[in-house]
Amino acid sequence: MFRLPQQFHEAVHRFNEGEYFECHEVLEELWRAEPTSLRLFYQGVLQIAVGCYHLCVRRNRRGAISKLRAGLEKLQQFPTVIDSVDVHDLRQQAEALLARLEATGEEEIAQWSDARPLAIRYLV
């Protein structure tokens, strides 16, 4: 069973506020320091955050698709729930966003209005 540090929960808060760059910074620190397989979990969530950054801030469709795919690939290796974080739900949301982006043209990305297309949820 994995226990997530307070820093991870801070990253979740930043993610859910649409502060993807700041989320990335926190997760990168955790990822680099983590010696266990949890390292890939942090990296997967980080890549999904970067995908959202590419989409919502930079309007970079290709970058968003690439990072969402990479993050999803890493998260597939983990249980559906980690320390009350609903990993299954995050994967489903990211998969739906990825499908939407793959069906969307570059010109539509320029008009993207959803500043927070995903949310990391907790099971209570």
N, C-alpha and C. Protein backbone atom coordinates (compact mmCIF):
# COMPACT_ATOMS: atom_id res chain seq x y z
N MET A 1 0.85 -1.19 0.00
CA MET A 1 0.00 0.00 0.00
C MET A 1 0.88 1.25 0.00
N PHE A 2 0.54 2.18 -0.85
CA PHE A 2 1.30 3.41 -0.97
C PHE A 2 0.72 4.50 -0.06
N ARG A 3 1.60 5.27 0.55
CA ARG A 3 1.21 6.46 1.31
C ARG A 3 1.82 7.65 0.59
N LEU A 4 0.99 8.60 0.25
CA LEU A 4 1.45 9.77 -0.49
C LEU A 4 1.79 10.90 0.48
N PRO A 5 2.90 11.58 0.24
CA PRO A 5 3.30 12.68 1.14
C PRO A 5 2.44 13.92 0.93
N GLN A 6 2.50 14.82 1.89
CA GLN A 6 1.74 16.07 1.82
C GLN A 6 2.06 16.86 0.55
N GLN A 7 3.29 16.79 0.09
CA GLN A 7 3.66 17.49 -1.15
C GLN A 7 2.81 17.04 -2.32
N PHE A 8 2.49 15.76 -2.38
CA PHE A 8 1.66 15.27 -3.47
C PHE A 8 0.28 15.92 -3.41
N HIS A 9 -0.28 16.03 -2.23
CA HIS A 9 -1.60 16.63 -2.07
C HIS A 9 -1.58 18.12 -2.44
N GLU A 10 -0.46 18.77 -2.19
CA GLU A 10 -0.28 20.15 -2.64
C GLU A 10 -0.28 20.20 -4.17
N ALA A 11 0.38 19.24 -4.80
CA ALA A 11 0.38 19.18 -6.27
C ALA A 11 -1.03 18.96 -6.79
N VAL A 12 -1.81 18.11 -6.13
CA VAL A 12 -3.20 17.87 -6.54
C VAL A 12 -4.00 19.17 -6.46
N HIS A 13 -3.82 19.91 -5.38
CA HIS A 13 -4.52 21.18 -5.23
C HIS A 13 -4.17 22.12 -6.39
N ARG A 14 -2.91 22.22 -6.70
CA ARG A 14 -2.48 23.10 -7.80
C ARG A 14 -3.05 22.61 -9.14
N PHE A 15 -3.03 21.30 -9.36
CA PHE A 15 -3.60 20.72 -10.58
C PHE A 15 -5.07 21.12 -10.71
N ASN A 16 -5.81 20.91 -9.63
CA ASN A 16 -7.25 21.18 -9.65
C ASN A 16 -7.58 22.66 -9.78
N GLU A 17 -6.64 23.52 -9.44
CA GLU A 17 -6.81 24.96 -9.62
C GLU A 17 -6.37 25.42 -11.01
N GLY A 18 -5.87 24.49 -11.82
CA GLY A 18 -5.41 24.86 -13.16
C GLY A 18 -4.01 25.43 -13.16
N GLU A 19 -3.28 25.25 -12.06
CA GLU A 19 -1.90 25.74 -11.94
C GLU A 19 -0.95 24.60 -12.33
N TYR A 20 -0.96 24.28 -13.61
CA TYR A 20 -0.26 23.10 -14.10
C TYR A 20 1.26 23.21 -14.00
N PHE A 21 1.80 24.38 -14.25
CA PHE A 21 3.24 24.55 -14.15
C PHE A 21 3.70 24.35 -12.71
N GLU A 22 2.97 24.94 -11.77
CA GLU A 22 3.31 24.81 -10.36
C GLU A 22 3.16 23.36 -9.89
N CYS A 23 2.12 22.69 -10.37
CA CYS A 23 1.91 21.27 -10.07
C CYS A 23 3.11 20.47 -10.57
N HIS A 24 3.54 20.76 -11.78
CA HIS A 24 4.69 20.09 -12.37
C HIS A 24 5.93 20.26 -11.49
N GLU A 25 6.14 21.46 -10.99
CA GLU A 25 7.33 21.72 -10.17
C GLU A 25 7.33 20.85 -8.90
N VAL A 26 6.19 20.77 -8.24
CA VAL A 26 6.08 19.96 -7.02
C VAL A 26 6.29 18.48 -7.34
N LEU A 27 5.63 18.00 -8.38
CA LEU A 27 5.73 16.58 -8.74
C LEU A 27 7.13 16.22 -9.22
N GLU A 28 7.78 17.14 -9.91
CA GLU A 28 9.14 16.85 -10.37
C GLU A 28 10.08 16.64 -9.19
N GLU A 29 9.92 17.44 -8.16
CA GLU A 29 10.73 17.29 -6.95
C GLU A 29 10.48 15.91 -6.32
N LEU A 30 9.22 15.52 -6.21
CA LEU A 30 8.88 14.21 -5.65
C LEU A 30 9.42 13.08 -6.52
N TRP A 31 9.20 13.20 -7.81
CA TRP A 31 9.61 12.17 -8.77
C TRP A 31 11.12 11.93 -8.70
N ARG A 32 11.88 12.99 -8.70
CA ARG A 32 13.34 12.84 -8.70
C ARG A 32 13.87 12.20 -7.41
N ALA A 33 13.18 12.44 -6.31
CA ALA A 33 13.65 11.93 -5.02
C ALA A 33 13.13 10.53 -4.69
N GLU A 34 12.13 10.04 -5.41
CA GLU A 34 11.47 8.78 -5.06
C GLU A 34 12.24 7.56 -5.57
N PRO A 35 12.67 6.66 -4.67
CA PRO A 35 13.43 5.48 -5.09
C PRO A 35 12.54 4.27 -5.46
N THR A 36 11.25 4.31 -5.12
CA THR A 36 10.38 3.15 -5.35
C THR A 36 9.59 3.30 -6.66
N SER A 37 8.73 2.33 -6.92
CA SER A 37 7.90 2.37 -8.13
C SER A 37 6.91 3.54 -8.11
N LEU A 38 6.71 4.15 -6.96
CA LEU A 38 5.85 5.32 -6.86
C LEU A 38 6.39 6.45 -7.75
N ARG A 39 7.65 6.37 -8.05
CA ARG A 39 8.30 7.33 -8.96
C ARG A 39 7.54 7.42 -10.29
N LEU A 40 7.14 6.28 -10.83
CA LEU A 40 6.40 6.27 -12.09
C LEU A 40 4.99 6.86 -11.94
N PHE A 41 4.41 6.70 -10.78
CA PHE A 41 3.10 7.31 -10.51
C PHE A 41 3.22 8.83 -10.55
N TYR A 42 4.20 9.35 -9.82
CA TYR A 42 4.42 10.80 -9.83
C TYR A 42 4.68 11.30 -11.25
N GLN A 43 5.49 10.56 -11.96
CA GLN A 43 5.83 10.94 -13.33
C GLN A 43 4.59 10.93 -14.23
N GLY A 44 3.72 9.93 -14.06
CA GLY A 44 2.50 9.86 -14.85
C GLY A 44 1.57 11.03 -14.59
N VAL A 45 1.37 11.37 -13.33
CA VAL A 45 0.51 12.50 -13.00
C VAL A 45 1.15 13.79 -13.51
N LEU A 46 2.47 13.89 -13.36
CA LEU A 46 3.20 15.06 -13.87
C LEU A 46 2.98 15.22 -15.37
N GLN A 47 3.08 14.14 -16.12
CA GLN A 47 2.91 14.22 -17.57
C GLN A 47 1.49 14.61 -17.94
N ILE A 48 0.51 14.17 -17.19
CA ILE A 48 -0.86 14.59 -17.45
C ILE A 48 -1.02 16.08 -17.17
N ALA A 49 -0.38 16.56 -16.10
CA ALA A 49 -0.41 17.99 -15.81
C ALA A 49 0.24 18.79 -16.94
N VAL A 50 1.35 18.30 -17.45
CA VAL A 50 2.03 18.98 -18.56
C VAL A 50 1.15 18.95 -19.81
N GLY A 51 0.45 17.85 -20.03
CA GLY A 51 -0.49 17.79 -21.15
C GLY A 51 -1.57 18.87 -21.02
N CYS A 52 -2.09 19.05 -19.82
CA CYS A 52 -3.09 20.11 -19.59
C CYS A 52 -2.48 21.49 -19.79
N TYR A 53 -1.24 21.66 -19.38
CA TYR A 53 -0.54 22.93 -19.59
C TYR A 53 -0.41 23.22 -21.09
N HIS A 54 0.02 22.21 -21.84
CA HIS A 54 0.14 22.39 -23.30
C HIS A 54 -1.20 22.78 -23.91
N LEU A 55 -2.26 22.15 -23.46
CA LEU A 55 -3.58 22.43 -24.00
C LEU A 55 -4.11 23.79 -23.58
N CYS A 56 -4.15 24.03 -22.29
CA CYS A 56 -4.85 25.20 -21.75
C CYS A 56 -4.04 26.49 -21.80
N VAL A 57 -2.73 26.39 -21.72
CA VAL A 57 -1.89 27.59 -21.68
C VAL A 57 -1.25 27.86 -23.03
N ARG A 58 -0.65 26.83 -23.60
CA ARG A 58 0.09 27.02 -24.84
C ARG A 58 -0.72 26.75 -26.11
N ARG A 59 -1.89 26.13 -25.95
CA ARG A 59 -2.74 25.76 -27.09
C ARG A 59 -1.97 24.88 -28.08
N ASN A 60 -1.20 23.98 -27.51
CA ASN A 60 -0.35 23.08 -28.29
C ASN A 60 -0.99 21.69 -28.30
N ARG A 61 -1.75 21.40 -29.32
CA ARG A 61 -2.48 20.14 -29.43
C ARG A 61 -1.53 18.95 -29.43
N ARG A 62 -0.51 19.00 -30.25
CA ARG A 62 0.43 17.88 -30.36
C ARG A 62 1.12 17.59 -29.02
N GLY A 63 1.58 18.63 -28.35
CA GLY A 63 2.22 18.45 -27.05
C GLY A 63 1.26 17.88 -26.02
N ALA A 64 0.01 18.35 -26.04
CA ALA A 64 -1.00 17.85 -25.09
C ALA A 64 -1.25 16.36 -25.32
N ILE A 65 -1.43 15.98 -26.58
CA ILE A 65 -1.68 14.57 -26.90
C ILE A 65 -0.50 13.71 -26.47
N SER A 66 0.69 14.14 -26.78
CA SER A 66 1.90 13.37 -26.45
C SER A 66 2.03 13.15 -24.94
N LYS A 67 1.86 14.21 -24.17
CA LYS A 67 2.04 14.10 -22.72
C LYS A 67 0.90 13.32 -22.07
N LEU A 68 -0.33 13.50 -22.56
CA LEU A 68 -1.44 12.72 -22.01
C LEU A 68 -1.22 11.23 -22.25
N ARG A 69 -0.80 10.87 -23.45
CA ARG A 69 -0.52 9.45 -23.75
C ARG A 69 0.56 8.89 -22.83
N ALA A 70 1.65 9.64 -22.68
CA ALA A 70 2.77 9.17 -21.84
C ALA A 70 2.33 9.01 -20.39
N GLY A 71 1.57 9.97 -19.88
CA GLY A 71 1.09 9.88 -18.51
C GLY A 71 0.15 8.72 -18.30
N LEU A 72 -0.77 8.53 -19.24
CA LEU A 72 -1.70 7.40 -19.15
C LEU A 72 -0.97 6.07 -19.16
N GLU A 73 0.03 5.95 -20.00
CA GLU A 73 0.81 4.71 -20.06
C GLU A 73 1.40 4.37 -18.70
N LYS A 74 1.91 5.36 -18.01
CA LYS A 74 2.50 5.11 -16.69
C LYS A 74 1.43 4.79 -15.66
N LEU A 75 0.32 5.51 -15.70
CA LEU A 75 -0.73 5.30 -14.69
C LEU A 75 -1.42 3.95 -14.84
N GLN A 76 -1.37 3.33 -16.01
CA GLN A 76 -1.99 2.01 -16.22
C GLN A 76 -1.38 0.95 -15.30
N GLN A 77 -0.19 1.18 -14.83
CA GLN A 77 0.53 0.20 -14.02
C GLN A 77 0.10 0.22 -12.55
N PHE A 78 -0.75 1.17 -12.18
CA PHE A 78 -1.07 1.35 -10.77
C PHE A 78 -2.51 0.96 -10.44
N PRO A 79 -2.76 0.69 -9.16
CA PRO A 79 -4.11 0.32 -8.74
C PRO A 79 -5.10 1.46 -9.00
N THR A 80 -6.37 1.15 -8.91
CA THR A 80 -7.41 2.14 -9.18
C THR A 80 -7.47 3.23 -8.13
N VAL A 81 -6.99 2.94 -6.93
CA VAL A 81 -6.97 3.93 -5.85
C VAL A 81 -5.61 3.85 -5.16
N ILE A 82 -5.01 5.02 -4.93
CA ILE A 82 -3.77 5.10 -4.16
C ILE A 82 -3.98 6.15 -3.08
N ASP A 83 -3.96 5.71 -1.84
CA ASP A 83 -4.09 6.60 -0.69
C ASP A 83 -5.26 7.57 -0.87
N SER A 84 -6.38 7.07 -1.24
CA SER A 84 -7.65 7.77 -1.47
C SER A 84 -7.71 8.58 -2.76
N VAL A 85 -6.64 8.62 -3.54
CA VAL A 85 -6.66 9.28 -4.85
C VAL A 85 -7.31 8.33 -5.85
N ASP A 86 -8.33 8.80 -6.54
CA ASP A 86 -9.06 7.98 -7.50
C ASP A 86 -8.30 7.96 -8.83
N VAL A 87 -7.37 7.05 -8.93
CA VAL A 87 -6.50 6.92 -10.11
C VAL A 87 -7.34 6.47 -11.31
N HIS A 88 -8.27 5.58 -11.08
CA HIS A 88 -9.14 5.10 -12.16
C HIS A 88 -9.90 6.26 -12.81
N ASP A 89 -10.46 7.13 -12.00
CA ASP A 89 -11.20 8.27 -12.50
C ASP A 89 -10.29 9.21 -13.30
N LEU A 90 -9.09 9.46 -12.80
CA LEU A 90 -8.14 10.32 -13.53
C LEU A 90 -7.80 9.71 -14.88
N ARG A 91 -7.58 8.40 -14.91
CA ARG A 91 -7.30 7.73 -16.19
C ARG A 91 -8.47 7.89 -17.14
N GLN A 92 -9.69 7.68 -16.64
CA GLN A 92 -10.87 7.80 -17.52
C GLN A 92 -11.01 9.22 -18.06
N GLN A 93 -10.82 10.19 -17.22
CA GLN A 93 -10.91 11.58 -17.67
C GLN A 93 -9.84 11.89 -18.72
N ALA A 94 -8.62 11.45 -18.46
CA ALA A 94 -7.51 11.71 -19.38
C ALA A 94 -7.74 11.00 -20.72
N GLU A 95 -8.27 9.78 -20.66
CA GLU A 95 -8.57 9.05 -21.91
C GLU A 95 -9.64 9.77 -22.72
N ALA A 96 -10.67 10.28 -22.04
CA ALA A 96 -11.73 11.01 -22.74
C ALA A 96 -11.20 12.31 -23.34
N LEU A 97 -10.35 13.01 -22.59
CA LEU A 97 -9.75 14.24 -23.11
C LEU A 97 -8.86 13.93 -24.30
N LEU A 98 -8.08 12.89 -24.20
CA LEU A 98 -7.21 12.48 -25.31
C LEU A 98 -8.03 12.19 -26.57
N ALA A 99 -9.11 11.44 -26.42
CA ALA A 99 -9.98 11.13 -27.56
C ALA A 99 -10.56 12.41 -28.16
N ARG A 100 -10.95 13.32 -27.29
CA ARG A 100 -11.50 14.60 -27.76
C ARG A 100 -10.45 15.39 -28.54
N LEU A 101 -9.24 15.42 -28.04
CA LEU A 101 -8.16 16.15 -28.72
C LEU A 101 -7.80 15.51 -30.05
N GLU A 102 -7.81 14.20 -30.09
CA GLU A 102 -7.48 13.51 -31.34
C GLU A 102 -8.53 13.78 -32.41
N ALA A 103 -9.74 14.09 -31.99
CA ALA A 103 -10.83 14.38 -32.94
C ALA A 103 -10.98 15.87 -33.21
N THR A 104 -10.12 16.68 -32.62
CA THR A 104 -10.21 18.14 -32.72
C THR A 104 -9.07 18.67 -33.58
N GLY A 105 -9.38 19.65 -34.40
CA GLY A 105 -8.35 20.27 -35.23
C GLY A 105 -7.60 21.36 -34.51
N GLU A 106 -6.45 21.74 -35.07
CA GLU A 106 -5.62 22.79 -34.48
C GLU A 106 -6.39 24.10 -34.28
N GLU A 107 -7.22 24.46 -35.27
CA GLU A 107 -7.95 25.73 -35.19
C GLU A 107 -8.94 25.74 -34.02
N GLU A 108 -9.48 24.57 -33.68
CA GLU A 108 -10.39 24.49 -32.54
C GLU A 108 -9.65 24.62 -31.21
N ILE A 109 -8.41 24.17 -31.18
CA ILE A 109 -7.60 24.28 -29.96
C ILE A 109 -7.35 25.75 -29.64
N ALA A 110 -7.18 26.57 -30.65
CA ALA A 110 -6.96 28.00 -30.44
C ALA A 110 -8.15 28.63 -29.71
N GLN A 111 -9.32 28.04 -29.85
CA GLN A 111 -10.53 28.55 -29.22
C GLN A 111 -10.88 27.83 -27.91
N TRP A 112 -9.99 26.95 -27.46
CA TRP A 112 -10.26 26.14 -26.26
C TRP A 112 -10.60 27.05 -25.09
N SER A 113 -11.70 26.77 -24.41
CA SER A 113 -12.14 27.64 -23.32
C SER A 113 -12.13 26.97 -21.95
N ASP A 114 -11.95 25.67 -21.91
CA ASP A 114 -11.97 24.94 -20.64
C ASP A 114 -10.60 25.05 -19.98
N ALA A 115 -10.48 25.91 -18.95
CA ALA A 115 -9.20 26.13 -18.28
C ALA A 115 -8.81 24.97 -17.37
N ARG A 116 -9.77 24.11 -17.02
CA ARG A 116 -9.51 22.97 -16.14
C ARG A 116 -10.24 21.75 -16.67
N PRO A 117 -9.70 21.12 -17.71
CA PRO A 117 -10.41 20.01 -18.35
C PRO A 117 -10.41 18.72 -17.53
N LEU A 118 -9.53 18.60 -16.55
CA LEU A 118 -9.45 17.40 -15.71
C LEU A 118 -9.42 17.81 -14.24
N ALA A 119 -9.79 16.88 -13.38
CA ALA A 119 -9.68 17.09 -11.94
C ALA A 119 -9.22 15.79 -11.30
N ILE A 120 -8.35 15.91 -10.34
CA ILE A 120 -7.93 14.73 -9.56
C ILE A 120 -8.86 14.67 -8.36
N ARG A 121 -9.52 13.53 -8.22
CA ARG A 121 -10.52 13.38 -7.16
C ARG A 121 -10.06 12.39 -6.09
N TYR A 122 -10.60 12.58 -4.92
CA TYR A 122 -10.35 11.68 -3.80
C TYR A 122 -11.60 10.87 -3.50
N LEU A 123 -11.40 9.66 -3.09
CA LEU A 123 -12.49 8.83 -2.56
C LEU A 123 -12.51 9.03 -1.05
N VAL A 124 -13.67 9.28 -0.52
CA VAL A 124 -13.75 9.54 0.92
C VAL A 124 -14.28 8.32 1.63
